[in-house]
Amino acid sequence: FTSLLRDVHTESGRALPVMLTDAGKAVIAKRSLQNVYKQLSNYGNQKNNTGFAFELARIFEDFKRNGISSTKLYDIAQKAPEANGKLKDVAQIYSEYCANIADGGADVEQMYLELAQNLPVSYTDSTEFFVDGFESFTYGQFAILSRIMEKAENVYIALTAADIFDRWNGTHPLSYT
């Protein structure tokens, strides 16, 4: 998917933005935490903890990969009273993080979503598309695949499914024995 992203940017004459590293994401997570720490009930005291910022950045990346917005996270926090304060804090920090990412960095998951919305017709209409070597897809990658599947003439996906055959002892419907 990064190759597709790079190809589309190259074809359109735009340079691919520099992607944030894990350290860059942690800096933005720490800045986000420092911006909202006074409004937090549980994690405000972590505002200068770099290790906590790295952990937040890792969690936020997982949220983005799974299509969880700060609004969705806050809604979940409202429905889980036993973890309410902590999830609300994380949702608030995540909201600030998303705003800061939008202002100063390229996040690959956001770029995937933008690509899915703006994929040129030359990549979708009357094309054959091959996907190989993946064990799973992120939310953004699914969005791209959905767009391609709507328009492409043929889409071929090779699944990494060796363990399916082991679990089913060769009786799985996809089994070739």
N, C-alpha and C. Protein backbone atom coordinates (compact mmCIF):
# COMPACT_ATOMS: atom_id res chain seq x y z
N PHE A 1 0.82 -1.20 0.00
CA PHE A 1 0.00 0.00 0.00
C PHE A 1 0.86 1.26 0.00
N THR A 2 2.03 1.18 0.63
CA THR A 2 2.91 2.35 0.59
C THR A 2 3.44 2.56 -0.83
N SER A 3 3.63 1.46 -1.57
CA SER A 3 4.07 1.61 -2.97
C SER A 3 2.97 2.29 -3.79
N LEU A 4 1.73 1.90 -3.58
CA LEU A 4 0.61 2.52 -4.27
C LEU A 4 0.53 4.01 -3.90
N LEU A 5 0.70 4.30 -2.64
CA LEU A 5 0.68 5.69 -2.17
C LEU A 5 1.78 6.50 -2.86
N ARG A 6 2.98 5.92 -2.91
CA ARG A 6 4.11 6.59 -3.56
C ARG A 6 3.85 6.77 -5.05
N ASP A 7 3.33 5.74 -5.72
CA ASP A 7 3.05 5.82 -7.16
C ASP A 7 2.03 6.91 -7.48
N VAL A 8 0.97 6.99 -6.70
CA VAL A 8 -0.07 7.99 -6.94
C VAL A 8 0.50 9.39 -6.74
N HIS A 9 1.29 9.57 -5.69
CA HIS A 9 1.90 10.89 -5.46
C HIS A 9 2.86 11.25 -6.58
N THR A 10 3.65 10.30 -7.03
CA THR A 10 4.61 10.55 -8.11
C THR A 10 3.87 10.90 -9.40
N GLU A 11 2.83 10.13 -9.72
CA GLU A 11 2.07 10.36 -10.94
C GLU A 11 1.41 11.74 -10.94
N SER A 12 0.98 12.19 -9.76
CA SER A 12 0.31 13.48 -9.68
C SER A 12 1.30 14.65 -9.55
N GLY A 13 2.59 14.33 -9.49
CA GLY A 13 3.61 15.38 -9.40
C GLY A 13 3.83 15.91 -8.00
N ARG A 14 3.24 15.25 -7.02
CA ARG A 14 3.43 15.68 -5.63
C ARG A 14 4.47 14.79 -4.95
N ALA A 15 5.28 15.40 -4.12
CA ALA A 15 6.24 14.62 -3.34
C ALA A 15 5.51 13.96 -2.17
N LEU A 16 5.92 12.78 -1.86
CA LEU A 16 5.34 12.07 -0.71
C LEU A 16 5.88 12.73 0.55
N PRO A 17 5.01 13.14 1.46
CA PRO A 17 5.49 13.78 2.68
C PRO A 17 6.34 12.81 3.52
N VAL A 18 7.20 13.37 4.32
CA VAL A 18 8.03 12.56 5.21
C VAL A 18 7.13 12.01 6.31
N MET A 19 7.19 10.70 6.48
CA MET A 19 6.36 10.05 7.50
C MET A 19 6.99 10.26 8.87
N LEU A 20 6.14 10.43 9.85
CA LEU A 20 6.62 10.56 11.23
C LEU A 20 7.22 9.24 11.71
N THR A 21 8.32 9.34 12.41
CA THR A 21 8.92 8.16 13.04
C THR A 21 8.22 7.91 14.36
N ASP A 22 8.54 6.80 15.00
CA ASP A 22 7.98 6.52 16.32
C ASP A 22 8.35 7.61 17.31
N ALA A 23 9.59 8.09 17.21
CA ALA A 23 10.03 9.17 18.11
C ALA A 23 9.25 10.46 17.83
N GLY A 24 9.02 10.76 16.57
CA GLY A 24 8.23 11.94 16.21
C GLY A 24 6.82 11.85 16.73
N LYS A 25 6.22 10.66 16.62
CA LYS A 25 4.86 10.46 17.15
C LYS A 25 4.85 10.62 18.66
N ALA A 26 5.90 10.13 19.33
CA ALA A 26 5.98 10.27 20.79
C ALA A 26 6.12 11.74 21.20
N VAL A 27 6.86 12.51 20.43
CA VAL A 27 6.99 13.95 20.72
C VAL A 27 5.63 14.63 20.60
N ILE A 28 4.88 14.28 19.57
CA ILE A 28 3.55 14.86 19.39
C ILE A 28 2.60 14.38 20.49
N ALA A 29 2.72 13.13 20.90
CA ALA A 29 1.89 12.62 22.00
C ALA A 29 2.21 13.36 23.29
N LYS A 30 3.48 13.59 23.55
CA LYS A 30 3.89 14.32 24.77
C LYS A 30 3.39 15.76 24.73
N ARG A 31 3.54 16.40 23.58
CA ARG A 31 3.05 17.78 23.44
C ARG A 31 1.53 17.83 23.65
N SER A 32 0.83 16.84 23.12
CA SER A 32 -0.62 16.78 23.27
C SER A 32 -1.01 16.61 24.73
N LEU A 33 -0.30 15.73 25.42
CA LEU A 33 -0.53 15.51 26.85
C LEU A 33 -0.27 16.79 27.64
N GLN A 34 0.80 17.49 27.32
CA GLN A 34 1.13 18.73 28.02
C GLN A 34 0.10 19.82 27.74
N ASN A 35 -0.51 19.79 26.57
CA ASN A 35 -1.52 20.80 26.23
C ASN A 35 -2.82 20.63 27.01
N VAL A 36 -3.14 19.39 27.40
CA VAL A 36 -4.44 19.14 28.04
C VAL A 36 -4.33 18.61 29.48
N TYR A 37 -3.13 18.54 30.03
CA TYR A 37 -2.94 17.87 31.33
C TYR A 37 -3.81 18.44 32.45
N LYS A 38 -4.11 19.72 32.42
CA LYS A 38 -4.93 20.33 33.49
C LYS A 38 -6.37 19.83 33.46
N GLN A 39 -6.81 19.33 32.32
CA GLN A 39 -8.19 18.86 32.17
C GLN A 39 -8.34 17.36 32.44
N LEU A 40 -7.23 16.69 32.74
CA LEU A 40 -7.24 15.24 32.92
C LEU A 40 -7.41 14.86 34.39
N SER A 41 -8.16 13.81 34.62
CA SER A 41 -8.39 13.38 36.01
C SER A 41 -7.42 12.29 36.46
N ASN A 42 -6.80 11.57 35.52
CA ASN A 42 -5.92 10.46 35.89
C ASN A 42 -4.49 10.59 35.39
N TYR A 43 -4.31 11.10 34.21
CA TYR A 43 -2.99 11.07 33.59
C TYR A 43 -2.28 12.42 33.51
N GLY A 44 -2.81 13.43 34.12
CA GLY A 44 -2.18 14.75 34.10
C GLY A 44 -0.78 14.74 34.69
N ASN A 45 -0.56 13.89 35.70
CA ASN A 45 0.75 13.83 36.35
C ASN A 45 1.82 13.16 35.47
N GLN A 46 1.44 12.64 34.33
CA GLN A 46 2.38 12.00 33.41
C GLN A 46 2.89 12.95 32.33
N LYS A 47 2.60 14.23 32.46
CA LYS A 47 2.87 15.19 31.38
C LYS A 47 4.34 15.27 30.96
N ASN A 48 5.26 14.93 31.83
CA ASN A 48 6.68 15.00 31.47
C ASN A 48 7.32 13.62 31.34
N ASN A 49 6.50 12.57 31.32
CA ASN A 49 7.00 11.21 31.27
C ASN A 49 7.14 10.77 29.80
N THR A 50 8.37 10.71 29.33
CA THR A 50 8.64 10.36 27.94
C THR A 50 8.22 8.92 27.62
N GLY A 51 8.44 8.01 28.55
CA GLY A 51 8.03 6.62 28.34
C GLY A 51 6.53 6.50 28.16
N PHE A 52 5.79 7.27 28.94
CA PHE A 52 4.33 7.29 28.83
C PHE A 52 3.92 7.85 27.47
N ALA A 53 4.65 8.86 27.01
CA ALA A 53 4.35 9.46 25.69
C ALA A 53 4.58 8.44 24.57
N PHE A 54 5.65 7.66 24.67
CA PHE A 54 5.89 6.61 23.66
C PHE A 54 4.77 5.58 23.68
N GLU A 55 4.32 5.22 24.88
CA GLU A 55 3.24 4.25 25.00
C GLU A 55 1.94 4.81 24.42
N LEU A 56 1.66 6.08 24.70
CA LEU A 56 0.48 6.72 24.12
C LEU A 56 0.55 6.71 22.60
N ALA A 57 1.70 7.06 22.05
CA ALA A 57 1.87 7.10 20.59
C ALA A 57 1.61 5.72 19.99
N ARG A 58 2.09 4.67 20.65
CA ARG A 58 1.86 3.31 20.17
C ARG A 58 0.37 2.96 20.21
N ILE A 59 -0.29 3.33 21.29
CA ILE A 59 -1.73 3.08 21.43
C ILE A 59 -2.50 3.87 20.38
N PHE A 60 -2.13 5.13 20.18
CA PHE A 60 -2.82 5.96 19.20
C PHE A 60 -2.65 5.41 17.78
N GLU A 61 -1.48 4.86 17.50
CA GLU A 61 -1.26 4.25 16.19
C GLU A 61 -2.20 3.05 16.01
N ASP A 62 -2.37 2.26 17.07
CA ASP A 62 -3.31 1.14 17.02
C ASP A 62 -4.74 1.63 16.79
N PHE A 63 -5.10 2.71 17.46
CA PHE A 63 -6.44 3.28 17.25
C PHE A 63 -6.63 3.65 15.79
N LYS A 64 -5.65 4.34 15.22
CA LYS A 64 -5.75 4.77 13.83
C LYS A 64 -5.82 3.57 12.89
N ARG A 65 -5.02 2.56 13.15
CA ARG A 65 -5.03 1.36 12.30
C ARG A 65 -6.38 0.67 12.31
N ASN A 66 -7.11 0.83 13.40
CA ASN A 66 -8.39 0.16 13.54
C ASN A 66 -9.58 1.10 13.33
N GLY A 67 -9.32 2.31 12.87
CA GLY A 67 -10.40 3.24 12.54
C GLY A 67 -11.13 3.80 13.74
N ILE A 68 -10.45 3.91 14.87
CA ILE A 68 -11.09 4.45 16.08
C ILE A 68 -10.74 5.92 16.21
N SER A 69 -11.75 6.76 16.12
CA SER A 69 -11.55 8.20 16.26
C SER A 69 -11.60 8.58 17.73
N SER A 70 -11.19 9.79 18.05
CA SER A 70 -11.26 10.24 19.44
C SER A 70 -12.71 10.35 19.89
N THR A 71 -13.60 10.71 18.98
CA THR A 71 -15.03 10.80 19.30
C THR A 71 -15.57 9.42 19.63
N LYS A 72 -15.21 8.43 18.83
CA LYS A 72 -15.66 7.07 19.08
C LYS A 72 -15.11 6.57 20.42
N LEU A 73 -13.86 6.89 20.71
CA LEU A 73 -13.25 6.47 21.97
C LEU A 73 -13.96 7.13 23.15
N TYR A 74 -14.29 8.41 23.01
CA TYR A 74 -15.01 9.11 24.08
C TYR A 74 -16.39 8.49 24.30
N ASP A 75 -17.07 8.13 23.22
CA ASP A 75 -18.37 7.46 23.33
C ASP A 75 -18.25 6.13 24.08
N ILE A 76 -17.18 5.39 23.79
CA ILE A 76 -16.94 4.13 24.49
C ILE A 76 -16.70 4.40 25.97
N ALA A 77 -15.95 5.44 26.27
CA ALA A 77 -15.66 5.79 27.67
C ALA A 77 -16.94 6.11 28.43
N GLN A 78 -17.88 6.75 27.77
CA GLN A 78 -19.15 7.08 28.42
C GLN A 78 -19.94 5.82 28.78
N LYS A 79 -19.76 4.76 28.01
CA LYS A 79 -20.51 3.52 28.22
C LYS A 79 -19.79 2.55 29.15
N ALA A 80 -18.58 2.88 29.58
CA ALA A 80 -17.79 2.00 30.45
C ALA A 80 -17.44 2.74 31.74
N PRO A 81 -18.39 2.86 32.65
CA PRO A 81 -18.16 3.69 33.84
C PRO A 81 -16.98 3.24 34.72
N GLU A 82 -16.68 1.94 34.75
CA GLU A 82 -15.59 1.48 35.59
C GLU A 82 -14.22 1.98 35.10
N ALA A 83 -14.10 2.25 33.81
CA ALA A 83 -12.85 2.77 33.26
C ALA A 83 -13.04 4.19 32.73
N ASN A 84 -14.14 4.77 33.10
CA ASN A 84 -14.60 6.05 32.56
C ASN A 84 -13.53 7.14 32.58
N GLY A 85 -12.96 7.42 33.72
CA GLY A 85 -11.99 8.51 33.83
C GLY A 85 -10.76 8.30 32.99
N LYS A 86 -10.22 7.11 33.01
CA LYS A 86 -9.01 6.83 32.25
C LYS A 86 -9.27 6.88 30.75
N LEU A 87 -10.36 6.28 30.30
CA LEU A 87 -10.67 6.33 28.87
C LEU A 87 -10.99 7.75 28.42
N LYS A 88 -11.67 8.52 29.27
CA LYS A 88 -11.94 9.92 28.90
C LYS A 88 -10.64 10.69 28.76
N ASP A 89 -9.70 10.44 29.68
CA ASP A 89 -8.39 11.10 29.59
C ASP A 89 -7.70 10.72 28.28
N VAL A 90 -7.67 9.44 27.98
CA VAL A 90 -7.01 8.97 26.76
C VAL A 90 -7.71 9.56 25.53
N ALA A 91 -9.03 9.60 25.55
CA ALA A 91 -9.77 10.17 24.43
C ALA A 91 -9.44 11.65 24.25
N GLN A 92 -9.30 12.36 25.35
CA GLN A 92 -8.99 13.79 25.27
C GLN A 92 -7.56 14.01 24.74
N ILE A 93 -6.62 13.21 25.22
CA ILE A 93 -5.25 13.31 24.72
C ILE A 93 -5.21 12.93 23.25
N TYR A 94 -5.95 11.88 22.89
CA TYR A 94 -5.98 11.40 21.50
C TYR A 94 -6.57 12.46 20.57
N SER A 95 -7.59 13.14 21.02
CA SER A 95 -8.18 14.21 20.22
C SER A 95 -7.15 15.30 19.94
N GLU A 96 -6.43 15.68 20.97
CA GLU A 96 -5.37 16.70 20.82
C GLU A 96 -4.26 16.17 19.91
N TYR A 97 -3.92 14.91 20.07
CA TYR A 97 -2.89 14.27 19.24
C TYR A 97 -3.27 14.32 17.76
N CYS A 98 -4.52 13.95 17.46
CA CYS A 98 -4.98 13.95 16.07
C CYS A 98 -4.92 15.36 15.47
N ALA A 99 -5.28 16.36 16.27
CA ALA A 99 -5.20 17.75 15.80
C ALA A 99 -3.74 18.15 15.55
N ASN A 100 -2.84 17.72 16.43
CA ASN A 100 -1.43 18.05 16.27
C ASN A 100 -0.80 17.32 15.10
N ILE A 101 -1.20 16.07 14.87
CA ILE A 101 -0.70 15.32 13.71
C ILE A 101 -1.12 16.03 12.43
N ALA A 102 -2.35 16.49 12.38
CA ALA A 102 -2.86 17.18 11.19
C ALA A 102 -2.06 18.45 10.91
N ASP A 103 -1.57 19.08 11.97
CA ASP A 103 -0.82 20.33 11.82
C ASP A 103 0.64 20.13 11.44
N GLY A 104 1.22 18.98 11.82
CA GLY A 104 2.66 18.92 11.62
C GLY A 104 3.27 17.56 11.36
N GLY A 105 2.64 16.75 10.56
CA GLY A 105 3.28 15.48 10.27
C GLY A 105 2.42 14.62 9.38
N ALA A 106 3.08 13.70 8.74
CA ALA A 106 2.37 12.77 7.87
C ALA A 106 2.19 11.45 8.61
N ASP A 107 0.96 11.05 8.73
CA ASP A 107 0.62 9.79 9.37
C ASP A 107 0.14 8.85 8.28
N VAL A 108 0.74 7.68 8.18
CA VAL A 108 0.46 6.79 7.06
C VAL A 108 -1.01 6.36 7.02
N GLU A 109 -1.62 6.13 8.16
CA GLU A 109 -3.03 5.71 8.16
C GLU A 109 -3.94 6.81 7.62
N GLN A 110 -3.66 8.05 7.99
CA GLN A 110 -4.44 9.17 7.46
C GLN A 110 -4.23 9.30 5.96
N MET A 111 -3.00 9.08 5.52
CA MET A 111 -2.71 9.16 4.09
C MET A 111 -3.43 8.05 3.32
N TYR A 112 -3.56 6.86 3.93
CA TYR A 112 -4.31 5.78 3.30
C TYR A 112 -5.78 6.17 3.12
N LEU A 113 -6.36 6.77 4.15
CA LEU A 113 -7.76 7.18 4.06
C LEU A 113 -7.95 8.25 2.98
N GLU A 114 -7.02 9.20 2.92
CA GLU A 114 -7.09 10.23 1.88
C GLU A 114 -6.93 9.62 0.49
N LEU A 115 -6.03 8.64 0.38
CA LEU A 115 -5.83 7.97 -0.91
C LEU A 115 -7.10 7.23 -1.33
N ALA A 116 -7.74 6.58 -0.39
CA ALA A 116 -8.98 5.84 -0.70
C ALA A 116 -10.04 6.79 -1.25
N GLN A 117 -10.11 7.99 -0.71
CA GLN A 117 -11.10 8.97 -1.17
C GLN A 117 -10.73 9.59 -2.50
N ASN A 118 -9.44 9.69 -2.78
CA ASN A 118 -8.98 10.42 -3.96
C ASN A 118 -8.20 9.56 -4.95
N LEU A 119 -8.42 8.26 -4.91
CA LEU A 119 -7.69 7.36 -5.79
C LEU A 119 -8.06 7.66 -7.25
N PRO A 120 -7.05 7.97 -8.07
CA PRO A 120 -7.35 8.29 -9.48
C PRO A 120 -8.02 7.12 -10.19
N VAL A 121 -8.88 7.44 -11.13
CA VAL A 121 -9.60 6.40 -11.87
C VAL A 121 -8.65 5.49 -12.65
N SER A 122 -7.48 5.98 -12.97
CA SER A 122 -6.51 5.14 -13.69
C SER A 122 -6.07 3.95 -12.84
N TYR A 123 -6.28 4.02 -11.54
CA TYR A 123 -5.94 2.91 -10.65
C TYR A 123 -7.14 2.03 -10.32
N THR A 124 -8.30 2.42 -10.78
CA THR A 124 -9.50 1.65 -10.42
C THR A 124 -10.29 1.17 -11.63
N ASP A 125 -10.60 2.04 -12.55
CA ASP A 125 -11.48 1.67 -13.65
C ASP A 125 -10.79 0.75 -14.65
N SER A 126 -11.45 -0.36 -14.95
CA SER A 126 -10.98 -1.33 -15.94
C SER A 126 -9.55 -1.80 -15.68
N THR A 127 -9.21 -2.00 -14.44
CA THR A 127 -7.88 -2.47 -14.10
C THR A 127 -7.96 -3.85 -13.44
N GLU A 128 -6.82 -4.51 -13.42
CA GLU A 128 -6.69 -5.75 -12.66
C GLU A 128 -5.73 -5.42 -11.52
N PHE A 129 -6.12 -5.82 -10.33
CA PHE A 129 -5.36 -5.45 -9.14
C PHE A 129 -4.99 -6.71 -8.38
N PHE A 130 -3.72 -6.82 -7.99
CA PHE A 130 -3.23 -7.99 -7.27
C PHE A 130 -2.75 -7.58 -5.89
N VAL A 131 -3.16 -8.33 -4.88
CA VAL A 131 -2.72 -8.11 -3.50
C VAL A 131 -2.13 -9.43 -3.02
N ASP A 132 -0.88 -9.37 -2.57
CA ASP A 132 -0.22 -10.61 -2.15
C ASP A 132 0.70 -10.32 -0.97
N GLY A 133 0.79 -11.28 -0.06
CA GLY A 133 1.76 -11.21 1.02
C GLY A 133 1.26 -10.53 2.29
N PHE A 134 -0.02 -10.41 2.47
CA PHE A 134 -0.56 -9.76 3.66
C PHE A 134 -1.22 -10.79 4.58
N GLU A 135 -1.07 -10.59 5.86
CA GLU A 135 -1.77 -11.43 6.84
C GLU A 135 -3.00 -10.72 7.38
N SER A 136 -2.99 -9.39 7.31
CA SER A 136 -4.13 -8.59 7.77
C SER A 136 -4.06 -7.23 7.09
N PHE A 137 -5.13 -6.46 7.26
CA PHE A 137 -5.21 -5.12 6.68
C PHE A 137 -5.64 -4.14 7.76
N THR A 138 -5.14 -2.92 7.66
CA THR A 138 -5.57 -1.87 8.57
C THR A 138 -6.85 -1.24 8.04
N TYR A 139 -7.44 -0.39 8.82
CA TYR A 139 -8.66 0.30 8.44
C TYR A 139 -8.44 1.09 7.14
N GLY A 140 -7.34 1.81 7.05
CA GLY A 140 -7.04 2.58 5.86
C GLY A 140 -6.81 1.71 4.63
N GLN A 141 -6.13 0.58 4.82
CA GLN A 141 -5.91 -0.34 3.72
C GLN A 141 -7.22 -0.95 3.24
N PHE A 142 -8.12 -1.27 4.18
CA PHE A 142 -9.44 -1.76 3.80
C PHE A 142 -10.20 -0.72 3.00
N ALA A 143 -10.06 0.54 3.36
CA ALA A 143 -10.74 1.61 2.62
C ALA A 143 -10.24 1.66 1.18
N ILE A 144 -8.93 1.51 1.00
CA ILE A 144 -8.36 1.50 -0.34
C ILE A 144 -8.87 0.28 -1.12
N LEU A 145 -8.82 -0.88 -0.49
CA LEU A 145 -9.31 -2.10 -1.15
C LEU A 145 -10.78 -1.98 -1.53
N SER A 146 -11.58 -1.41 -0.66
CA SER A 146 -13.01 -1.24 -0.96
C SER A 146 -13.19 -0.38 -2.20
N ARG A 147 -12.46 0.69 -2.27
CA ARG A 147 -12.55 1.59 -3.43
C ARG A 147 -12.14 0.88 -4.71
N ILE A 148 -11.05 0.13 -4.62
CA ILE A 148 -10.57 -0.60 -5.79
C ILE A 148 -11.57 -1.68 -6.20
N MET A 149 -12.12 -2.40 -5.22
CA MET A 149 -13.06 -3.48 -5.53
C MET A 149 -14.35 -2.96 -6.16
N GLU A 150 -14.73 -1.73 -5.84
CA GLU A 150 -15.93 -1.13 -6.45
C GLU A 150 -15.74 -0.91 -7.94
N LYS A 151 -14.53 -0.58 -8.37
CA LYS A 151 -14.31 -0.12 -9.74
C LYS A 151 -13.47 -1.04 -10.61
N ALA A 152 -12.55 -1.78 -10.02
CA ALA A 152 -11.62 -2.58 -10.82
C ALA A 152 -12.34 -3.70 -11.54
N GLU A 153 -11.78 -4.06 -12.68
CA GLU A 153 -12.35 -5.16 -13.44
C GLU A 153 -12.17 -6.48 -12.70
N ASN A 154 -10.97 -6.71 -12.17
CA ASN A 154 -10.68 -7.91 -11.39
C ASN A 154 -9.76 -7.55 -10.23
N VAL A 155 -9.98 -8.18 -9.09
CA VAL A 155 -9.11 -8.03 -7.93
C VAL A 155 -8.73 -9.43 -7.47
N TYR A 156 -7.44 -9.66 -7.37
CA TYR A 156 -6.93 -10.96 -6.93
C TYR A 156 -6.23 -10.77 -5.59
N ILE A 157 -6.62 -11.54 -4.61
CA ILE A 157 -6.02 -11.45 -3.28
C ILE A 157 -5.52 -12.83 -2.90
N ALA A 158 -4.20 -12.93 -2.67
CA ALA A 158 -3.61 -14.19 -2.22
C ALA A 158 -3.53 -14.13 -0.70
N LEU A 159 -4.21 -15.04 -0.05
CA LEU A 159 -4.26 -15.06 1.41
C LEU A 159 -3.12 -15.87 1.99
N THR A 160 -2.61 -15.40 3.11
CA THR A 160 -1.66 -16.17 3.89
C THR A 160 -2.49 -16.96 4.88
N ALA A 161 -2.73 -18.24 4.54
CA ALA A 161 -3.70 -19.01 5.32
C ALA A 161 -3.21 -20.41 5.65
N ALA A 162 -1.92 -20.59 5.77
CA ALA A 162 -1.40 -21.93 6.03
C ALA A 162 -1.96 -22.52 7.32
N ASP A 163 -2.15 -21.69 8.33
CA ASP A 163 -2.65 -22.22 9.61
C ASP A 163 -4.10 -22.69 9.52
N ILE A 164 -4.86 -22.19 8.55
CA ILE A 164 -6.23 -22.65 8.36
C ILE A 164 -6.22 -24.14 8.04
N PHE A 165 -5.30 -24.55 7.16
CA PHE A 165 -5.25 -25.94 6.76
C PHE A 165 -4.82 -26.83 7.92
N ASP A 166 -3.91 -26.33 8.75
CA ASP A 166 -3.46 -27.10 9.91
C ASP A 166 -4.61 -27.31 10.90
N ARG A 167 -5.38 -26.28 11.15
CA ARG A 167 -6.48 -26.37 12.12
C ARG A 167 -7.60 -27.28 11.63
N TRP A 168 -7.82 -27.31 10.34
CA TRP A 168 -8.94 -28.08 9.80
C TRP A 168 -8.51 -29.46 9.28
N ASN A 169 -7.25 -29.81 9.45
CA ASN A 169 -6.73 -31.11 9.00
C ASN A 169 -7.08 -31.39 7.53
N GLY A 170 -6.96 -30.38 6.71
CA GLY A 170 -7.20 -30.56 5.28
C GLY A 170 -8.65 -30.62 4.87
N THR A 171 -9.58 -30.36 5.81
CA THR A 171 -11.01 -30.44 5.48
C THR A 171 -11.64 -29.07 5.27
N HIS A 172 -10.88 -28.00 5.39
CA HIS A 172 -11.40 -26.65 5.18
C HIS A 172 -11.83 -26.47 3.73
N PRO A 173 -12.91 -25.72 3.48
CA PRO A 173 -13.38 -25.52 2.10
C PRO A 173 -12.32 -24.95 1.16
N LEU A 174 -11.33 -24.23 1.70
CA LEU A 174 -10.28 -23.67 0.84
C LEU A 174 -9.14 -24.66 0.63
N SER A 175 -9.21 -25.80 1.28
CA SER A 175 -8.15 -26.79 1.18
C SER A 175 -8.07 -27.34 -0.23
N TYR A 176 -6.88 -27.54 -0.71
CA TYR A 176 -6.69 -28.05 -2.07
C TYR A 176 -6.42 -29.56 -2.08
N THR A 177 -6.53 -30.23 -0.93
CA THR A 177 -6.29 -31.67 -0.90
C THR A 177 -7.59 -32.45 -0.97
